Amino acid sequence: MIDFNRVRDYKVLLVGDGITDEYRYVTPIGKSIKDDTLSTKYDSHRESFHGGVWAAAEHVKGFCSQVDVMVGDKIMLNRRYVDKTYMRKLFTVHHIHDLKEPIKEYDIGSYDLVIVTDFGHGCLTPELIKRLTSEAKFLAVNAQTNSTNFGFNLITKYPRVDFVVIDEIEARLAAHDRDSPIEDVILKLGFNKIIVTMGNLGAIGYDHGGFVREDALTDKVVDTIGAGDAFLCVTAPFAKAGLPMRDLVRIGNAAGAIKVGIVGHRTSVNRESLEKYL
């Protein structure tokens, strides 16, 4: 039985890119007659969510008493056009704009745990990475690969990380290894505590020279956005608390399974939903 109270009093800092995820709902009509494009009918309904590091912080708030957020000076707006019937994203338009309020500085070394959600949009500068890797007591990181940074935002730019959560593509890109067994890829990366998520194939964790593999806990997917962030942010406090890798992978799979059942960032993973799922 997992003792959720052991992370309750942690002071946690989230660092990462601020993102606004906007869903504009449409109904596909069919292929355009004159162009190779998809025609849609716009529905007046739309939703806007605080995504990125802000959404990640909401997951941590369900488990830890103090959670602060540090963002960069640029905010990414992801405007997604979504088939309202099947919740399928048809395409995305990206916009970058300046943060309106001044950036707040934090004493990194005063936190029990620092979680980095690096989406590659400019928040994690070399100077900030140097501070994080030298000052954080316990550092947990995801360096995400996405369409705007493919191949250029690798976990290996962090010289020290205490706990890593990345997906298989992110791991293989960082190791420059497309074909080897995932276990060999993980060993190449050289992190002492790492979990690689593999979608519907579950996740594999490595710690103290041993591997733990767990199957995914659901095949019912509504929306995959933010599932990796939920996995990282719910497991990181327990990694700091010293839970064994088997428990971390199990907790993370549960958090991911809960998140893929949520549209956008309408709600977050919390203690009650995780306990019920486990």
Protein backbone atom coordinates (compact mmCIF):
# COMPACT_ATOMS: atom_id res chain seq x y z
CA MET A 1 0.00 0.00 0.00
CA ILE A 2 1.41 3.40 -1.00
CA ASP A 3 1.55 6.03 1.74
CA PHE A 4 0.49 9.24 -0.01
CA ASN A 5 1.08 11.29 3.14
CA ARG A 6 4.86 10.99 2.86
CA VAL A 7 4.95 13.67 0.13
CA ARG A 8 2.24 15.93 1.55
CA ASP A 9 4.60 18.45 3.20
CA TYR A 10 6.98 18.81 0.28
CA LYS A 11 7.77 22.28 -1.03
CA VAL A 12 7.83 21.95 -4.84
CA LEU A 13 8.89 24.32 -7.63
CA LEU A 14 7.68 23.75 -11.19
CA VAL A 15 9.83 25.30 -13.93
CA GLY A 16 8.91 25.28 -17.59
CA ASP A 17 7.18 26.74 -20.61
CA GLY A 18 3.84 28.45 -20.18
CA ILE A 19 1.31 27.22 -22.73
CA THR A 20 -2.29 28.11 -23.52
CA ASP A 21 -4.14 25.23 -25.18
CA GLU A 22 -7.19 26.38 -27.09
CA TYR A 23 -9.64 23.89 -28.57
CA ARG A 24 -11.84 25.14 -31.41
CA TYR A 25 -14.47 22.58 -32.23
CA VAL A 26 -15.41 21.79 -35.83
CA THR A 27 -17.38 19.24 -37.81
CA PRO A 28 -15.51 17.73 -40.79
CA ILE A 29 -17.47 18.08 -44.04
CA GLY A 30 -15.13 16.35 -46.47
CA LYS A 31 -12.31 16.96 -48.92
CA SER A 32 -12.33 20.24 -50.77
CA ILE A 33 -13.22 19.81 -54.47
CA LYS A 34 -10.48 22.10 -55.79
CA ASP A 35 -7.72 21.55 -53.22
CA ASP A 36 -6.23 18.69 -51.24
CA THR A 37 -7.56 20.11 -48.00
CA LEU A 38 -10.10 19.04 -45.41
CA SER A 39 -13.21 21.20 -45.21
CA THR A 40 -14.84 21.72 -41.82
CA LYS A 41 -17.79 23.59 -40.37
CA TYR A 42 -16.82 25.78 -37.44
CA ASP A 43 -18.76 25.32 -34.22
CA SER A 44 -19.01 28.43 -32.06
CA HIS A 45 -17.99 26.35 -29.03
CA ARG A 46 -14.37 26.56 -27.91
CA GLU A 47 -12.37 25.95 -24.74
CA SER A 48 -9.16 27.49 -23.45
CA PHE A 49 -6.92 25.77 -20.92
CA HIS A 50 -3.81 26.72 -18.98
CA GLY A 51 -1.39 24.10 -20.30
CA GLY A 52 2.34 23.48 -20.14
CA VAL A 53 3.93 24.07 -16.75
CA TRP A 54 0.68 25.51 -15.35
CA ALA A 55 -1.27 22.32 -16.06
CA ALA A 56 1.64 20.25 -14.73
CA ALA A 57 1.55 22.17 -11.44
CA GLU A 58 -2.14 21.34 -10.95
CA HIS A 59 -1.26 17.63 -10.79
CA VAL A 60 1.36 18.25 -8.11
CA LYS A 61 -1.07 20.34 -6.05
CA GLY A 62 -3.15 17.21 -5.52
CA PHE A 63 -0.31 15.67 -3.49
CA CYS A 64 2.00 18.38 -2.07
CA SER A 65 1.20 21.30 0.21
CA GLN A 66 3.23 24.07 -1.45
CA VAL A 67 3.62 24.34 -5.21
CA ASP A 68 5.14 27.36 -6.98
CA VAL A 69 5.50 27.95 -10.71
CA MET A 70 8.32 29.65 -12.64
CA VAL A 71 7.77 30.38 -16.34
CA GLY A 72 9.80 31.98 -19.09
CA ASP A 73 9.14 35.31 -20.81
CA LYS A 74 7.41 33.73 -23.84
CA ILE A 75 4.02 32.01 -23.86
CA MET A 76 3.01 29.50 -26.53
CA LEU A 77 -0.60 29.50 -27.73
CA ASN A 78 -1.58 26.20 -29.35
CA ARG A 79 -4.85 26.70 -31.21
CA ARG A 80 -6.16 23.24 -32.02
CA TYR A 81 -9.04 22.51 -34.37
CA VAL A 82 -10.84 19.47 -33.05
CA ASP A 83 -13.51 17.16 -34.47
CA LYS A 84 -16.16 17.66 -31.78
CA THR A 85 -17.76 14.25 -32.33
CA TYR A 86 -14.69 12.04 -31.92
CA MET A 87 -12.32 14.50 -30.16
CA ARG A 88 -9.74 14.08 -32.93
CA LYS A 89 -7.33 16.97 -33.44
CA LEU A 90 -7.24 17.90 -37.12
CA PHE A 91 -4.45 20.50 -37.08
CA THR A 92 -2.77 23.05 -34.82
CA VAL A 93 -1.70 26.66 -35.28
CA HIS A 94 1.10 27.89 -32.98
CA HIS A 95 1.49 31.48 -31.76
CA ILE A 96 4.18 32.85 -29.43
CA HIS A 97 3.63 36.03 -27.43
CA ASP A 98 5.32 37.84 -24.57
CA LEU A 99 4.42 37.20 -20.94
CA LYS A 100 2.58 40.30 -19.74
CA GLU A 101 3.78 40.27 -16.14
CA PRO A 102 7.41 40.31 -14.93
CA ILE A 103 9.15 36.97 -14.38
CA LYS A 104 9.30 36.08 -10.69
CA GLU A 105 12.58 34.68 -9.38
CA TYR A 106 12.70 31.79 -6.91
CA ASP A 107 15.29 30.40 -4.53
CA ILE A 108 15.76 27.04 -6.26
CA GLY A 109 17.77 25.52 -3.42
CA SER A 110 15.02 26.16 -0.86
CA TYR A 111 12.65 23.61 -2.44
CA ASP A 112 12.51 19.91 -1.57
CA LEU A 113 11.82 19.08 -5.20
CA VAL A 114 12.15 20.91 -8.53
CA ILE A 115 10.19 19.56 -11.51
CA VAL A 116 11.09 20.79 -15.01
CA THR A 117 8.63 20.52 -17.89
CA ASP A 118 10.78 21.53 -20.85
CA PHE A 119 8.68 21.88 -24.01
CA GLY A 120 11.51 23.50 -25.93
CA HIS A 121 9.84 26.91 -26.32
CA GLY A 122 12.68 28.92 -24.79
CA CYS A 123 12.10 28.99 -21.03
CA LEU A 124 14.95 26.58 -20.22
CA THR A 125 17.95 28.66 -21.25
CA PRO A 126 21.51 27.34 -20.78
CA GLU A 127 21.90 29.74 -17.85
CA LEU A 128 18.74 28.48 -16.14
CA ILE A 129 19.69 24.85 -16.76
CA LYS A 130 23.06 25.52 -15.12
CA ARG A 131 21.28 26.96 -12.06
CA LEU A 132 18.79 24.12 -11.83
CA THR A 133 21.37 21.35 -12.14
CA SER A 134 23.66 22.93 -9.56
CA GLU A 135 21.14 24.28 -7.02
CA ALA A 136 18.17 21.88 -6.93
CA LYS A 137 18.13 19.39 -4.05
CA PHE A 138 16.23 16.87 -6.17
CA LEU A 139 15.66 17.52 -9.87
CA ALA A 140 13.03 15.76 -12.00
CA VAL A 141 12.91 16.54 -15.73
CA ASN A 142 11.01 15.86 -18.91
CA ALA A 143 12.51 17.35 -22.09
CA GLN A 144 9.73 17.00 -24.61
CA THR A 145 10.04 16.37 -28.32
CA ASN A 146 7.28 18.00 -30.35
CA SER A 147 6.69 19.38 -33.85
CA THR A 148 8.31 22.74 -33.05
CA ASN A 149 11.61 21.34 -31.72
CA PHE A 150 12.00 17.86 -33.21
CA GLY A 151 15.53 16.57 -32.61
CA PHE A 152 16.73 19.73 -30.85
CA ASN A 153 15.31 19.45 -27.32
CA LEU A 154 17.06 16.48 -25.77
CA ILE A 155 17.30 15.32 -22.17
CA THR A 156 21.08 15.10 -22.56
CA LYS A 157 21.37 18.90 -22.35
CA TYR A 158 20.91 18.44 -18.58
CA PRO A 159 24.26 17.41 -17.04
CA ARG A 160 22.56 16.20 -13.85
CA VAL A 161 19.03 14.92 -13.29
CA ASP A 162 17.88 12.82 -10.32
CA PHE A 163 14.71 11.50 -12.00
CA VAL A 164 13.86 11.46 -15.71
CA VAL A 165 10.55 10.71 -17.42
CA ILE A 166 10.57 10.76 -21.23
CA ASP A 167 8.82 8.80 -23.96
CA GLU A 168 10.43 6.28 -26.30
CA ILE A 169 11.00 8.69 -29.19
CA GLU A 170 12.61 11.21 -26.81
CA ALA A 171 14.87 8.50 -25.41
CA ARG A 172 15.94 7.19 -28.82
CA LEU A 173 16.64 10.68 -30.20
CA ALA A 174 18.76 11.54 -27.16
CA ALA A 175 20.71 8.26 -27.46
CA HIS A 176 20.98 8.52 -31.27
CA ASP A 177 19.67 4.97 -31.43
CA ARG A 178 16.59 4.08 -33.46
CA ASP A 179 16.73 0.29 -33.44
CA SER A 180 18.28 -1.18 -30.27
CA PRO A 181 16.13 -2.71 -27.51
CA ILE A 182 14.81 0.06 -25.27
CA GLU A 183 16.82 -1.34 -22.35
CA ASP A 184 20.05 -0.68 -24.28
CA VAL A 185 18.88 2.82 -25.12
CA ILE A 186 18.22 3.56 -21.43
CA LEU A 187 21.69 2.34 -20.47
CA LYS A 188 23.25 4.56 -23.14
CA LEU A 189 21.55 7.62 -21.65
CA GLY A 190 23.25 6.96 -18.31
CA PHE A 191 20.66 8.29 -15.84
CA ASN A 192 20.41 6.54 -12.48
CA LYS A 193 16.63 6.79 -12.20
CA ILE A 194 14.60 6.96 -15.40
CA ILE A 195 11.21 5.91 -16.77
CA VAL A 196 10.49 5.66 -20.48
CA THR A 197 6.81 5.75 -21.37
CA MET A 198 5.65 3.73 -24.37
CA GLY A 199 2.00 4.67 -24.91
CA ASN A 200 -0.30 1.67 -25.14
CA LEU A 201 2.69 -0.59 -24.35
CA GLY A 202 2.98 0.84 -20.85
CA ALA A 203 6.30 2.00 -19.38
CA ILE A 204 9.72 0.73 -18.42
CA GLY A 205 11.74 2.01 -15.48
CA TYR A 206 15.41 1.68 -14.57
CA ASP A 207 16.93 2.14 -11.11
CA HIS A 208 19.98 0.67 -9.31
CA GLY A 209 20.90 -1.51 -12.25
CA GLY A 210 17.49 -3.17 -12.72
CA PHE A 211 14.58 -2.79 -15.11
CA VAL A 212 10.85 -2.79 -14.31
CA ARG A 213 8.25 -3.03 -17.06
CA GLU A 214 4.52 -2.52 -16.54
CA ASP A 215 1.65 -2.71 -19.02
CA ALA A 216 -0.60 0.27 -19.70
CA LEU A 217 -3.67 0.41 -17.47
CA THR A 218 -6.21 1.53 -20.04
CA ASP A 219 -6.97 1.35 -23.75
CA LYS A 220 -9.75 3.94 -23.56
CA VAL A 221 -8.26 7.19 -24.80
CA VAL A 222 -10.19 10.44 -25.06
CA ASP A 223 -7.28 12.89 -25.32
CA THR A 224 -3.55 12.23 -25.01
CA ILE A 225 -2.53 15.84 -24.34
CA GLY A 226 -0.58 16.20 -21.10
CA ALA A 227 -0.44 12.49 -20.27
CA GLY A 228 3.36 12.47 -20.06
CA ASP A 229 3.32 15.55 -17.84
CA ALA A 230 0.84 13.88 -15.50
CA PHE A 231 3.10 10.81 -15.37
CA LEU A 232 6.14 12.94 -14.46
CA CYS A 233 4.45 15.26 -11.99
CA VAL A 234 2.62 12.60 -10.00
CA THR A 235 5.63 10.26 -9.77
CA ALA A 236 8.33 12.88 -9.06
CA PRO A 237 7.41 13.50 -5.39
CA PHE A 238 7.41 9.76 -4.74
CA ALA A 239 10.76 9.39 -6.52
CA LYS A 240 12.10 12.05 -4.16
CA ALA A 241 10.59 10.07 -1.23
CA GLY A 242 12.55 6.98 -2.30
CA LEU A 243 9.75 4.67 -3.44
CA PRO A 244 10.96 1.65 -5.44
CA MET A 245 10.81 1.79 -9.21
CA ARG A 246 7.99 -0.75 -9.44
CA ASP A 247 5.75 1.57 -7.41
CA LEU A 248 6.82 4.61 -9.45
CA VAL A 249 5.95 2.93 -12.75
CA ARG A 250 2.64 1.74 -11.33
CA ILE A 251 1.75 5.22 -10.03
CA GLY A 252 2.78 6.83 -13.31
CA ASN A 253 0.78 4.41 -15.45
CA ALA A 254 -2.27 5.12 -13.30
CA ALA A 255 -1.78 8.88 -13.59
CA GLY A 256 -1.40 8.60 -17.36
CA ALA A 257 -4.49 6.41 -17.63
CA ILE A 258 -6.54 8.96 -15.70
CA LYS A 259 -5.23 11.86 -17.79
CA VAL A 260 -6.03 10.30 -21.20
CA GLY A 261 -9.66 10.16 -20.07
CA ILE A 262 -9.77 13.96 -19.60
CA VAL A 263 -10.44 16.43 -22.42
CA GLY A 264 -7.63 18.99 -22.53
CA HIS A 265 -6.89 20.23 -19.02
CA ARG A 266 -10.48 20.36 -17.76
CA THR A 267 -9.38 18.61 -14.58
CA SER A 268 -6.14 17.23 -13.16
CA VAL A 269 -4.97 14.02 -11.51
CA ASN A 270 -5.38 14.21 -7.72
CA ARG A 271 -4.94 11.94 -4.75
CA GLU A 272 -8.56 10.79 -4.67
CA SER A 273 -8.67 9.81 -8.35
CA LEU A 274 -5.26 8.08 -8.15
CA GLU A 275 -6.14 6.08 -5.03
CA LYS A 276 -9.38 4.98 -6.66
CA TYR A 277 -7.60 3.93 -9.86
CA LEU A 278 -4.88 2.03 -8.05
